[in-house]
Structure formats: structure tokens, C-alpha cells
């Protein structure tokens, strides 16, 4: 372990975060981190269990004098989003996250940091291992696979938890208290085609979109950031009407469904076209797109590179190519509808997260989010219709509910008053457009009073992810005081 964070306060929380970040913990590949948590519980002599899907529950009795308080469930997720810059040599399966301190920020070196939701996990570990922090009886619920399906929350059975209050530590702005969130559904379109041989003076080129901000496809969807898949498709659409004989060989764009795509590239073939002609044809279009995003994605790069001269190559048939390009062009990306109930809250959105074209199969993967179930289905059906018109098969999967706000929450009152007393200002009580596990957990625990809060984390789901050191200190103070003020049974 590198001990980069050893001088930071609160020391126990940062030490646990550093230890956690030494363990690979990709979504759906949490075996090592699950064992890490079970070993941690054993070391501190606390009862722990792993449920059927891999969630870990650790129980700690109330501290002296707090036995009459309601039991609190402290909840965070173990998995993290694995994203890295294209020029970063890093193996998430074998290496721990390489961290650095930059002023008030903890960052990673070219990868995601894992503060989402590793800071929440580390805070829970610090509380469980402490001997001098007053607290009621605690049930620590550490879920798996939050980032790619929330299967941990979905798989948690009723009756496992006995707590009355759930504190979710997965909010990413320290001035906010979350009381609701969006649900989501995956929309996946697949289009099979027969490869066609292109021969006779063929030259292959790569068109690449890089340098974008990327980020969280829920929290940052309203910022108007460029989506690399949509930008690349605009270039291909322009080329298809330019009079040049351009054919698609392969497309690789985006990655995880909950991350705004930062990079996308296409391998194309042409006849009778050299690099100079292709570049000059695209020059004005590229400059126009870069100008559009100059204020939000100044790092946007669109490059055209010659790959090779070939005798022949296998390409997508022209009729299929036109349908694919037009289908992706027409498919909605970004904010679909703003909430009419909460000011400045995105109600419904879509992220065209992944586009892959290779070996006779095209796949487009989207994550559609909404805090209103009917609106979520409306957008999902609109996407389904769009992709079916281009000849694709469409499936819905990974559907999970939103978390309906409860303005009469008793624990909300405790959190608001505690915040005012500690920081001499009122918190922002909000619903968010991200996917929190509270809505899913509430299906089997409908009487549990739930709330979400956390420290300030920026750039989640991207290599720009960073967490504020001073905000973690604020969060830690706030969390400890909330536990002291948990009401009696």
C-alpha cells in the first residue's frame, strides 16, 4: 500500500480508503473486495455475513448509553466504475488505484478514483473499527454491483435487516441531502448483417473522437457535455452524404452504460480517396463541432488518420450502414424532460453509452433514467421504435425503480437540524437524477426511513474523478453527529 493519504484527516477514514483502493473491485467482479471486507470484520471481532448475491452485512452493538436508540443501517456499495485515459497503462484486475493529493483534492493517476462509493465504505469501516465514537446499534450493508445493474440491492432479501433508519452514503455534493432519485432501464439494440467485400484500390482510415470530459450519465447529463458516440456519428453522417465512397469496417465507442462516452472511433474504407481529400472534406465540419462544445468540452479532438492501402476489406453493406447512421443520429441522447415538481431537476434522460460494430454485428447500448416511471417507459419506447425502424432487435433489461421522495421523513428532520447546528446554514434537500439504491431497497423494507448524503465528489465515472479533502472532513463530522442524534426506539 502506497500510504499517499496517511497524513490526511480524518486519518482512520483515509487509511481505510487507501486499503480499499488497493483491492480490485470492478462491478460483477467483487470477489476480492468481498473477502477483504469479511476479513476486516473478522479482524475487529464483529459478526458478518455474506448473503446469496454477495452483499456483506456487518453488525455492531450500540455503544454504552446508546442502547435505547433506533438501529441504523449504514449503506454503501463496494464496486467502482473502471475507466482510464487512452494513454494510461493500467490493469484494474491486478493493480490498486494510484492516488495523489493535489491541494484540497485526492485524485487518481489517469483512472477513476473510486471515491464513488469508496469514501462511503471507508467511513463505515472507520465507524465499525472505532472504540470512542458514540453510536446506536449499526447494521453495515455493503452492496455489490451498484454501478452496472444494482443486482446487490435487488437481491437483498426482506427480513435480513432489522434497522429502522437507513443512511445511504452515496451522494456527491456535501451541501445536499437526497430524498429521492431516478430509476433506470437498459435499452440495447442489435443489428446483424452479412459482410460485403470491397476491393479495387481500397484505403483504410481511422476517424477518432477523443479528449472529452465524460462523467456521470445521471448527475452530469444536464451539462450539455459532448457524447463521443454522437459526435462520431455526426461525422459519419456527413461523410455518407459527401459523395465520397466511404464504408464502415468497425466502430468502437464508449464503454460503461452509466458513463458519458469520452472516446469513439471508426475504421472506414474508401476507394479513390486519399488522406488530404478526406481531411479537407471534414475540416469545416470538425471545426464547427469543436466550436459548439468549446465552452464545455474544450479538449475535444477529432482526428483522421490513414491506416493502410489494401487489396480488399470486409465492410458493412451500404443499405445497412445508412440505416445504422440515421438510427443513431435520430436516437435521443441527453435530457429528455425536466421535472415539473422539482426546480432544476432532470426528470428523464438517455445516454447512448456504447456503440460497437464488428464482424457482422452492430450493437447500441443505452441507459435511460427517469424519476417518473411512465416517462421512463415513454423514452425507452421511443428509442425502441427508432432502433426497430433501422432494422435492429431491441431488448429492455436491468429495470430498477426510482426512489419516491418522502417529505415527511423523520430522519430528514434530524439531518436538516443537525446540518444547521453544525454549519450555520440550511442544506439543500433534493432529489437527484442519479441511481441510488434506496428505491430498490425500499421494495423489501417499505417501513425503513431512508436518506442519502455524502462528501463532494466531482467527475465520477471518469478519470477526472476527485474528492474534496475538506469536504470529507465535513462529511465525517456530520455523520458522527447524526449518529449521536438518532432518536430513541
Protein backbone atom coordinates (compact mmCIF):
# COMPACT_ATOMS: atom_id res chain seq x y z
CA UNK A 1 0.00 0.00 0.00
CA UNK A 2 1.41 3.39 -1.02
CA UNK A 3 0.28 5.41 2.03
CA UNK A 4 -0.18 8.55 -0.09
CA UNK A 5 -3.06 9.60 2.17
CA UNK A 6 -1.52 8.82 5.55
CA UNK A 7 -1.22 12.46 6.64
CA UNK A 8 -4.84 13.38 5.84
CA UNK A 9 -7.60 13.80 8.40
CA UNK A 10 -9.74 12.03 9.48
CA UNK A 11 -6.87 9.55 9.46
CA UNK A 12 -8.92 6.39 10.10
CA UNK A 13 -11.25 7.08 7.17
CA UNK A 14 -8.42 7.85 4.73
CA UNK A 15 -6.41 4.82 5.84
CA UNK A 16 -9.39 2.56 5.17
CA UNK A 17 -9.96 4.24 1.80
CA UNK A 18 -6.34 3.65 0.83
CA UNK A 19 -6.55 0.00 1.87
CA UNK A 20 -9.82 -0.42 -0.04
CA UNK A 21 -8.36 1.16 -3.18
CA UNK A 22 -5.57 -1.42 -3.18
CA UNK A 23 -8.22 -4.09 -3.92
CA UNK A 24 -9.66 -4.61 -7.44
CA UNK A 25 -13.42 -4.05 -7.27
CA UNK A 26 -15.00 -3.82 -10.68
CA UNK A 27 -18.75 -4.30 -10.87
CA UNK A 28 -19.63 -8.00 -11.20
CA UNK A 29 -16.06 -8.89 -10.22
CA UNK A 30 -16.19 -8.14 -6.49
CA UNK A 31 -14.87 -11.46 -5.13
CA UNK A 32 -11.64 -9.95 -3.79
CA UNK A 33 -13.26 -6.93 -2.17
CA UNK A 34 -15.99 -9.08 -0.59
CA UNK A 35 -13.30 -11.23 1.02
CA UNK A 36 -11.41 -8.07 2.01
CA UNK A 37 -14.48 -6.82 3.90
CA UNK A 38 -15.15 -10.19 5.53
CA UNK A 39 -11.52 -10.34 6.70
CA UNK A 40 -11.83 -6.78 8.03
CA UNK A 41 -14.89 -7.73 10.10
CA UNK A 42 -13.07 -10.76 11.49
CA UNK A 43 -10.06 -8.64 12.47
CA UNK A 44 -12.24 -6.30 14.54
CA UNK A 45 -14.29 -9.17 16.03
CA UNK A 46 -17.66 -8.21 14.55
CA UNK A 47 -20.33 -10.50 13.21
CA UNK A 48 -20.51 -10.54 9.41
CA UNK A 49 -22.45 -12.46 6.80
CA UNK A 50 -22.42 -12.68 3.02
CA UNK A 51 -25.87 -13.11 1.52
CA UNK A 52 -26.81 -15.17 -1.53
CA UNK A 53 -25.83 -12.48 -4.08
CA UNK A 54 -22.64 -11.26 -2.37
CA UNK A 55 -23.76 -8.34 -0.22
CA UNK A 56 -21.95 -8.14 3.14
CA UNK A 57 -23.78 -7.27 6.36
CA UNK A 58 -21.73 -6.41 9.46
CA UNK A 59 -23.38 -5.80 12.83
CA UNK A 60 -22.02 -3.73 15.72
CA UNK A 61 -23.83 -3.31 19.06
CA UNK A 62 -24.68 0.16 20.37
CA UNK A 63 -22.02 1.99 22.34
CA UNK A 64 -22.51 2.48 26.08
CA UNK A 65 -25.52 4.69 26.78
CA UNK A 66 -26.94 4.42 23.23
CA UNK A 67 -28.73 1.09 23.64
CA UNK A 68 -32.20 2.68 23.61
CA UNK A 69 -31.74 4.31 20.17
CA UNK A 70 -33.14 3.04 16.91
CA UNK A 71 -30.91 0.71 14.92
CA UNK A 72 -29.24 2.38 11.94
CA UNK A 73 -28.33 0.75 8.64
CA UNK A 74 -25.21 2.38 7.15
CA UNK A 75 -25.17 1.59 3.43
CA UNK A 76 -22.65 1.97 0.60
CA UNK A 77 -21.68 -0.08 -2.43
CA UNK A 78 -18.40 -1.96 -2.82
CA UNK A 79 -17.96 -1.79 -6.60
CA UNK A 80 -16.49 1.10 -8.57
CA UNK A 81 -16.51 2.25 -12.19
CA UNK A 82 -13.33 1.25 -14.02
CA UNK A 83 -12.39 3.89 -16.60
CA UNK A 84 -8.95 5.07 -17.72
CA UNK A 85 -7.46 7.50 -20.17
CA UNK A 86 -6.48 6.03 -23.52
CA UNK A 87 -2.79 6.69 -22.88
CA UNK A 88 -2.80 5.25 -19.34
CA UNK A 89 -1.20 1.82 -18.92
CA UNK A 90 -3.18 0.28 -16.09
CA UNK A 91 -4.71 -3.13 -15.30
CA UNK A 92 -7.72 -2.74 -13.00
CA UNK A 93 -7.81 -6.50 -12.39
CA UNK A 94 -4.32 -6.60 -10.86
CA UNK A 95 -3.35 -3.09 -9.74
CA UNK A 96 -4.51 -0.89 -6.91
CA UNK A 97 -5.60 2.66 -7.73
CA UNK A 98 -2.62 5.03 -7.92
CA UNK A 99 -3.61 8.13 -5.97
CA UNK A 100 -2.20 11.61 -5.45
CA UNK A 101 -3.01 14.68 -3.36
CA UNK A 102 -3.47 17.93 -5.29
CA UNK A 103 -4.31 20.80 -2.95
CA UNK A 104 -7.75 20.06 -1.47
CA UNK A 105 -8.33 17.10 -3.80
CA UNK A 106 -7.50 13.43 -3.82
CA UNK A 107 -7.23 12.19 -7.42
CA UNK A 108 -6.11 9.12 -9.32
CA UNK A 109 -3.36 8.95 -11.92
CA UNK A 110 -5.20 8.56 -15.23
CA UNK A 111 -8.04 6.38 -13.92
CA UNK A 112 -11.23 6.65 -11.94
CA UNK A 113 -10.57 7.14 -8.23
CA UNK A 114 -13.29 5.00 -6.67
CA UNK A 115 -14.39 7.70 -4.23
CA UNK A 116 -17.81 6.75 -5.60
CA UNK A 117 -18.61 4.92 -3.33
CA UNK A 118 -15.34 4.05 -1.66
CA UNK A 119 -15.43 7.05 0.66
CA UNK A 120 -18.77 5.83 2.00
CA UNK A 121 -17.37 2.33 2.52
CA UNK A 122 -14.27 3.76 4.24
CA UNK A 123 -16.42 5.89 6.56
CA UNK A 124 -18.41 2.81 7.55
CA UNK A 125 -15.19 0.87 8.17
CA UNK A 126 -13.86 3.71 10.33
CA UNK A 127 -17.03 3.69 12.44
CA UNK A 128 -17.06 -0.07 12.80
CA UNK A 129 -13.42 -0.18 13.90
CA UNK A 130 -13.64 2.78 16.31
CA UNK A 131 -13.72 2.47 20.10
CA UNK A 132 -14.56 6.07 21.01
CA UNK A 133 -17.37 7.21 18.68
CA UNK A 134 -20.87 7.15 20.27
CA UNK A 135 -23.40 5.34 18.07
CA UNK A 136 -26.61 3.32 18.17
CA UNK A 137 -26.69 -0.31 17.06
CA UNK A 138 -25.33 -0.44 13.50
CA UNK A 139 -26.01 -2.74 10.60
CA UNK A 140 -23.48 -2.04 7.85
CA UNK A 141 -24.87 -3.02 4.45
CA UNK A 142 -22.19 -3.15 1.76
CA UNK A 143 -23.78 -3.99 -1.56
CA UNK A 144 -22.31 -5.27 -4.82
CA UNK A 145 -22.81 -4.33 -8.46
CA UNK A 146 -24.44 -0.95 -7.92
CA UNK A 147 -22.83 0.57 -10.98
CA UNK A 148 -23.91 -1.96 -13.63
CA UNK A 149 -27.30 -3.25 -12.56
CA UNK A 150 -27.87 -2.76 -8.82
CA UNK A 151 -28.16 -6.52 -8.53
CA UNK A 152 -26.89 -6.40 -4.96
CA UNK A 153 -29.76 -4.17 -3.83
CA UNK A 154 -32.21 -6.16 -5.94
CA UNK A 155 -31.01 -9.43 -4.43
CA UNK A 156 -31.17 -8.38 -0.77
CA UNK A 157 -33.98 -10.36 0.82
CA UNK A 158 -36.53 -8.96 3.22
CA UNK A 159 -36.00 -9.81 6.86
CA UNK A 160 -32.19 -9.72 6.73
CA UNK A 161 -32.03 -6.20 8.15
CA UNK A 162 -33.66 -5.11 11.39
CA UNK A 163 -32.80 -1.41 11.28
CA UNK A 164 -35.37 1.39 11.42
CA UNK A 165 -33.29 4.03 9.60
CA UNK A 166 -31.04 3.73 6.55
CA UNK A 167 -28.27 6.22 5.89
CA UNK A 168 -27.04 5.87 2.29
CA UNK A 169 -23.59 7.47 1.94
CA UNK A 170 -23.56 7.82 -1.85
CA UNK A 171 -24.50 11.47 -2.52
CA UNK A 172 -21.76 13.55 -4.17
CA UNK A 173 -22.38 17.13 -3.05
CA UNK A 174 -21.85 17.95 0.63
CA UNK A 175 -24.49 20.69 0.72
CA UNK A 176 -27.23 18.27 -0.36
CA UNK A 177 -29.48 15.82 1.41
CA UNK A 178 -31.10 13.44 -1.08
CA UNK A 179 -34.62 12.17 -0.50
CA UNK A 180 -35.32 10.72 -3.97
CA UNK A 181 -33.65 9.53 -7.16
CA UNK A 182 -34.29 8.35 -10.68
CA UNK A 183 -34.91 4.80 -11.78
CA UNK A 184 -33.37 3.35 -14.91
CA UNK A 185 -33.60 0.81 -17.71
CA UNK A 186 -31.08 -0.50 -20.22
CA UNK A 187 -32.08 -0.30 -23.88
CA UNK A 188 -29.95 -2.48 -26.14
CA UNK A 189 -30.28 -2.65 -29.93
CA UNK A 190 -28.54 -5.31 -32.04
CA UNK A 191 -28.35 -5.47 -35.81
CA UNK A 192 -26.89 -8.49 -37.61
CA UNK A 193 -25.65 -8.12 -41.19
CA UNK A 194 -23.68 -10.03 -43.81
CA UNK A 195 -20.24 -8.61 -44.51
CA UNK A 196 -19.58 -7.34 -48.02
CA UNK A 197 -16.22 -7.41 -49.80
CA UNK A 198 -14.85 -4.07 -51.01
CA UNK A 199 -11.96 -4.33 -53.46
CA UNK A 200 -10.06 -2.29 -56.02
CA UNK A 201 -7.74 0.41 -54.66
CA UNK A 202 -9.02 0.42 -51.08
CA UNK A 203 -7.55 2.69 -48.41
CA UNK A 204 -8.47 2.39 -44.74
CA UNK A 205 -8.65 5.30 -42.31
CA UNK A 206 -9.43 5.82 -38.64
CA UNK A 207 -11.70 8.64 -37.53
CA UNK A 208 -11.32 9.15 -33.79
CA UNK A 209 -13.09 11.32 -31.23
CA UNK A 210 -11.06 11.83 -28.03
CA UNK A 211 -10.35 14.24 -25.22
CA UNK A 212 -13.89 14.63 -23.91
CA UNK A 213 -14.81 15.29 -20.30
CA UNK A 214 -17.12 12.29 -19.94
CA UNK A 215 -18.53 11.74 -16.45
CA UNK A 216 -21.64 10.51 -14.67
CA UNK A 217 -24.51 9.93 -17.08
CA UNK A 218 -27.06 10.93 -14.44
CA UNK A 219 -25.53 13.68 -12.34
CA UNK A 220 -23.82 15.41 -15.28
CA UNK A 221 -26.28 14.72 -18.10
CA UNK A 222 -27.70 18.25 -17.91
CA UNK A 223 -24.35 19.95 -18.54
CA UNK A 224 -24.54 19.57 -22.32
CA UNK A 225 -21.28 17.62 -22.47
CA UNK A 226 -20.35 16.03 -25.77
CA UNK A 227 -21.13 12.34 -26.22
CA UNK A 228 -18.30 10.79 -28.25
CA UNK A 229 -20.65 8.30 -29.94
CA UNK A 230 -22.98 11.03 -31.15
CA UNK A 231 -20.09 13.24 -32.30
CA UNK A 232 -18.53 10.42 -34.30
CA UNK A 233 -21.89 9.55 -35.83
CA UNK A 234 -22.30 13.16 -36.99
CA UNK A 235 -19.02 12.88 -38.86
CA UNK A 236 -20.07 9.59 -40.45
CA UNK A 237 -23.45 11.05 -41.38
CA UNK A 238 -21.75 13.97 -43.08
CA UNK A 239 -19.41 11.65 -44.97
CA UNK A 240 -22.30 9.49 -46.13
CA UNK A 241 -23.74 12.48 -47.97
CA UNK A 242 -20.47 13.94 -49.17
CA UNK A 243 -20.20 11.97 -52.41
CA UNK A 244 -17.16 10.02 -51.20
CA UNK A 245 -17.36 6.24 -51.26
CA UNK A 246 -16.99 5.65 -47.53
CA UNK A 247 -17.74 2.28 -45.93
CA UNK A 248 -17.69 1.25 -42.27
CA UNK A 249 -15.42 -1.62 -41.24
CA UNK A 250 -15.62 -1.26 -37.47
CA UNK A 251 -16.78 1.13 -34.72
CA UNK A 252 -15.68 1.08 -31.08
CA UNK A 253 -17.26 3.79 -28.97
CA UNK A 254 -17.89 4.44 -25.30
CA UNK A 255 -17.89 1.88 -22.51
CA UNK A 256 -19.97 1.60 -19.36
CA UNK A 257 -23.66 2.43 -19.58
CA UNK A 258 -23.53 4.95 -16.73
CA UNK A 259 -20.58 6.94 -18.09
CA UNK A 260 -20.91 9.64 -20.75
CA UNK A 261 -18.66 8.36 -23.59
CA UNK A 262 -15.30 10.15 -23.81
CA UNK A 263 -13.85 8.31 -26.82
CA UNK A 264 -15.20 6.74 -30.01
CA UNK A 265 -13.50 5.63 -33.21
CA UNK A 266 -14.43 4.22 -36.59
CA UNK A 267 -12.34 2.23 -39.03
CA UNK A 268 -13.54 3.06 -42.53
CA UNK A 269 -12.61 2.07 -46.07
CA UNK A 270 -12.70 4.22 -49.20
CA UNK A 271 -11.88 3.92 -52.89
CA UNK A 272 -10.24 6.76 -54.76
CA UNK A 273 -9.82 8.90 -51.64
CA UNK A 274 -6.53 9.98 -50.08
CA UNK A 275 -5.88 11.45 -46.64
CA UNK A 276 -5.71 15.01 -47.94
CA UNK A 277 -9.10 14.76 -49.66
CA UNK A 278 -10.76 13.10 -46.66
CA UNK A 279 -9.29 15.63 -44.22
CA UNK A 280 -10.26 18.62 -46.34
CA UNK A 281 -13.79 17.25 -46.77
CA UNK A 282 -14.18 17.02 -42.98
CA UNK A 283 -12.28 20.14 -41.94
CA UNK A 284 -15.20 22.58 -41.74
CA UNK A 285 -17.49 20.03 -40.07
CA UNK A 286 -14.89 19.18 -37.45
CA UNK A 287 -14.25 22.84 -36.66
CA UNK A 288 -17.99 23.50 -36.37
CA UNK A 289 -18.47 20.65 -33.90
CA UNK A 290 -15.47 21.71 -31.82
CA UNK A 291 -16.80 25.27 -31.72
CA UNK A 292 -20.20 24.03 -30.48
CA UNK A 293 -18.58 22.36 -27.48
CA UNK A 294 -15.74 24.82 -26.84
CA UNK A 295 -17.16 26.02 -23.52
CA UNK A 296 -17.97 22.60 -22.04
CA UNK A 297 -15.55 20.20 -23.76
CA UNK A 298 -12.56 22.27 -24.78
CA UNK A 299 -10.38 19.16 -25.05
CA UNK A 300 -12.44 17.66 -27.89
CA UNK A 301 -10.23 16.22 -30.63
CA UNK A 302 -11.44 14.72 -33.92
CA UNK A 303 -8.63 13.17 -35.93
CA UNK A 304 -8.40 11.47 -39.31
CA UNK A 305 -5.51 9.05 -39.87
CA UNK A 306 -4.54 6.79 -42.72
CA UNK A 307 -4.14 3.16 -41.68
CA UNK A 308 -3.20 1.19 -44.83
CA UNK A 309 -3.69 0.51 -48.52
CA UNK A 310 -5.47 -2.81 -49.00
CA UNK A 311 -6.36 -5.06 -51.90
CA UNK A 312 -9.74 -5.75 -50.33
CA UNK A 313 -11.55 -5.42 -46.99
CA UNK A 314 -14.82 -6.63 -45.49
CA UNK A 315 -17.29 -3.81 -44.85
CA UNK A 316 -20.87 -3.16 -43.80
CA UNK A 317 -23.37 -3.17 -46.71
CA UNK A 318 -24.27 0.37 -47.76
CA UNK A 319 -28.00 -0.01 -47.03
CA UNK A 320 -27.31 -1.30 -43.51
CA UNK A 321 -24.72 1.43 -42.99
CA UNK A 322 -27.19 4.17 -43.90
CA UNK A 323 -29.83 2.75 -41.54
CA UNK A 324 -27.35 2.48 -38.67
CA UNK A 325 -26.03 6.02 -39.07
CA UNK A 326 -29.52 7.51 -39.37
CA UNK A 327 -30.79 5.43 -36.46
CA UNK A 328 -28.06 6.62 -34.10
CA UNK A 329 -28.48 10.17 -35.39
CA UNK A 330 -32.21 10.09 -34.60
CA UNK A 331 -31.89 8.36 -31.22
CA UNK A 332 -32.31 10.79 -28.33
CA UNK A 333 -29.28 11.49 -26.15
CA UNK A 334 -29.20 13.81 -23.13
CA UNK A 335 -32.04 15.47 -21.24
CA UNK A 336 -35.48 14.40 -22.44
CA UNK A 337 -37.67 16.15 -19.86
CA UNK A 338 -37.17 18.38 -16.83
CA UNK A 339 -39.15 17.78 -13.67
CA UNK A 340 -42.30 19.84 -13.17
CA UNK A 341 -42.26 19.06 -9.43
CA UNK A 342 -38.66 19.95 -8.51
CA UNK A 343 -36.87 23.02 -9.79
CA UNK A 344 -33.79 22.37 -11.94
CA UNK A 345 -34.11 18.58 -11.64
CA UNK A 346 -33.73 16.41 -14.72
CA UNK A 347 -36.70 14.07 -14.81
CA UNK A 348 -35.86 11.86 -17.81
CA UNK A 349 -32.70 11.35 -19.88
CA UNK A 350 -30.83 8.92 -22.07
CA UNK A 351 -27.15 8.12 -22.50
CA UNK A 352 -26.04 6.41 -25.73
CA UNK A 353 -23.28 4.69 -23.85
CA UNK A 354 -21.80 2.11 -26.16
CA UNK A 355 -21.64 1.60 -29.93
CA UNK A 356 -19.85 -1.44 -31.31
CA UNK A 357 -19.73 -2.56 -34.93
CA UNK A 358 -17.63 -5.61 -35.74
CA UNK A 359 -17.74 -8.89 -37.64
CA UNK A 360 -21.29 -8.63 -38.89
CA UNK A 361 -22.93 -7.31 -35.74
CA UNK A 362 -23.80 -3.79 -34.63
CA UNK A 363 -24.76 -3.08 -31.01
CA UNK A 364 -26.02 0.14 -29.44
CA UNK A 365 -26.38 0.26 -25.65
CA UNK A 366 -28.29 3.00 -23.80
CA UNK A 367 -29.14 3.78 -20.19
CA UNK A 368 -32.46 5.57 -19.84
CA UNK A 369 -33.21 7.25 -16.49
CA UNK A 370 -36.28 8.88 -15.01
CA UNK A 371 -37.85 9.71 -11.67
CA UNK A 372 -41.27 9.13 -13.28
CA UNK A 373 -41.96 5.55 -14.32
CA UNK A 374 -44.30 6.42 -17.19
CA UNK A 375 -41.77 8.91 -18.61
CA UNK A 376 -39.01 6.33 -18.37
CA UNK A 377 -41.09 3.87 -20.37
CA UNK A 378 -42.03 6.59 -22.86
CA UNK A 379 -38.41 7.36 -23.69
CA UNK A 380 -37.44 3.69 -23.72
CA UNK A 381 -40.25 3.01 -26.19
CA UNK A 382 -39.18 5.98 -28.33
CA UNK A 383 -35.66 4.56 -28.52
CA UNK A 384 -37.02 1.08 -29.24
CA UNK A 385 -39.10 2.46 -32.11
CA UNK A 386 -36.13 4.35 -33.53
CA UNK A 387 -33.85 1.33 -33.47
CA UNK A 388 -36.51 -1.03 -34.81
CA UNK A 389 -37.02 1.30 -37.77
CA UNK A 390 -33.36 0.78 -38.65
CA UNK A 391 -33.96 -2.98 -38.58
CA UNK A 392 -32.49 -3.79 -35.17
CA UNK A 393 -33.78 -6.08 -32.44
CA UNK A 394 -34.29 -4.25 -29.15
CA UNK A 395 -34.41 -5.61 -25.61
CA UNK A 396 -35.05 -3.91 -22.27
CA UNK A 397 -33.10 -5.12 -19.22
CA UNK A 398 -31.84 -4.05 -15.82
CA UNK A 399 -35.02 -2.16 -14.97
CA UNK A 400 -34.95 -0.65 -11.49
CA UNK A 401 -37.34 1.72 -9.72
CA UNK A 402 -36.78 5.27 -8.64
CA UNK A 403 -36.93 6.39 -5.03
CA UNK A 404 -40.04 8.43 -4.34
CA UNK A 405 -39.34 11.41 -2.04
CA UNK A 406 -40.84 11.35 1.45
CA UNK A 407 -41.11 14.94 2.62
CA UNK A 408 -42.44 13.72 5.99
CA UNK A 409 -39.36 11.66 6.80
CA UNK A 410 -38.43 11.84 10.49
CA UNK A 411 -34.75 11.23 9.82
CA UNK A 412 -34.82 14.08 7.30
CA UNK A 413 -35.74 16.43 10.13
CA UNK A 414 -32.79 15.14 12.17
CA UNK A 415 -30.37 15.65 9.29
CA UNK A 416 -31.61 19.16 8.47
CA UNK A 417 -31.41 20.37 12.06
CA UNK A 418 -28.00 18.77 12.59
CA UNK A 419 -26.67 20.43 9.44
CA UNK A 420 -27.96 23.83 10.53
CA UNK A 421 -26.43 23.46 14.00
CA UNK A 422 -23.03 22.37 12.70
CA UNK A 423 -22.62 24.62 9.67
CA UNK A 424 -24.90 27.62 10.36
CA UNK A 425 -26.80 27.26 7.11
CA UNK A 426 -29.58 25.16 5.65
CA UNK A 427 -28.79 22.17 3.43
CA UNK A 428 -30.34 21.68 0.01
CA UNK A 429 -33.00 18.98 0.29
CA UNK A 430 -33.16 17.48 -3.19
CA UNK A 431 -34.00 14.55 -5.38
CA UNK A 432 -31.23 13.56 -7.80
CA UNK A 433 -31.06 12.17 -11.32
CA UNK A 434 -28.52 9.51 -10.37
CA UNK A 435 -29.50 5.97 -9.44
CA UNK A 436 -29.34 5.37 -5.70
CA UNK A 437 -30.12 2.00 -4.14
CA UNK A 438 -32.72 3.36 -1.71
CA UNK A 439 -35.66 2.88 -4.06
CA UNK A 440 -34.78 -0.77 -4.66
CA UNK A 441 -34.05 -1.49 -1.00
CA UNK A 442 -37.37 0.09 -0.09
CA UNK A 443 -39.30 -2.56 -2.01
CA UNK A 444 -38.42 -5.17 0.63
CA UNK A 445 -38.12 -2.68 3.52
CA UNK A 446 -41.03 -0.27 2.94
CA UNK A 447 -41.13 0.97 6.54
CA UNK A 448 -37.45 1.87 6.73
CA UNK A 449 -36.81 5.63 6.84
CA UNK A 450 -34.12 6.38 4.24
CA UNK A 451 -31.88 9.33 3.46
CA UNK A 452 -28.72 9.91 1.42
CA UNK A 453 -25.77 12.27 1.86
CA UNK A 454 -22.02 12.35 1.32
CA UNK A 455 -18.93 14.44 0.57
CA UNK A 456 -18.25 16.41 -2.61
CA UNK A 457 -17.03 14.20 -5.45
CA UNK A 458 -16.51 15.64 -8.93
CA UNK A 459 -16.07 13.84 -12.24
CA UNK A 460 -17.40 10.49 -11.01
CA UNK A 461 -17.26 7.68 -13.59
CA UNK A 462 -14.38 9.36 -15.42
CA UNK A 463 -10.59 9.64 -14.96
CA UNK A 464 -11.24 13.21 -13.78
CA UNK A 465 -12.89 11.86 -10.62
CA UNK A 466 -11.72 13.62 -7.46
CA UNK A 467 -12.89 14.05 -3.88
CA UNK A 468 -12.50 17.14 -1.72
CA UNK A 469 -10.41 16.57 1.42
CA UNK A 470 -12.11 19.38 3.36
CA UNK A 471 -15.50 18.05 2.30
CA UNK A 472 -14.65 14.59 3.62
CA UNK A 473 -13.78 16.22 6.94
CA UNK A 474 -17.14 17.99 6.92
CA UNK A 475 -18.96 14.77 5.98
CA UNK A 476 -17.24 12.84 8.76
CA UNK A 477 -18.16 15.43 11.39
CA UNK A 478 -21.74 15.44 10.12
CA UNK A 479 -22.06 11.65 10.09
CA UNK A 480 -20.77 11.28 13.65
CA UNK A 481 -23.16 13.95 14.94
CA UNK A 482 -26.13 12.35 13.15
CA UNK A 483 -25.40 9.06 14.92
CA UNK A 484 -25.40 10.83 18.29
CA UNK A 485 -28.83 12.33 17.49
CA UNK A 486 -30.56 9.15 16.33
CA UNK A 487 -33.92 9.09 18.18
CA UNK A 488 -34.96 6.54 20.77
CA UNK A 489 -36.91 3.44 19.84
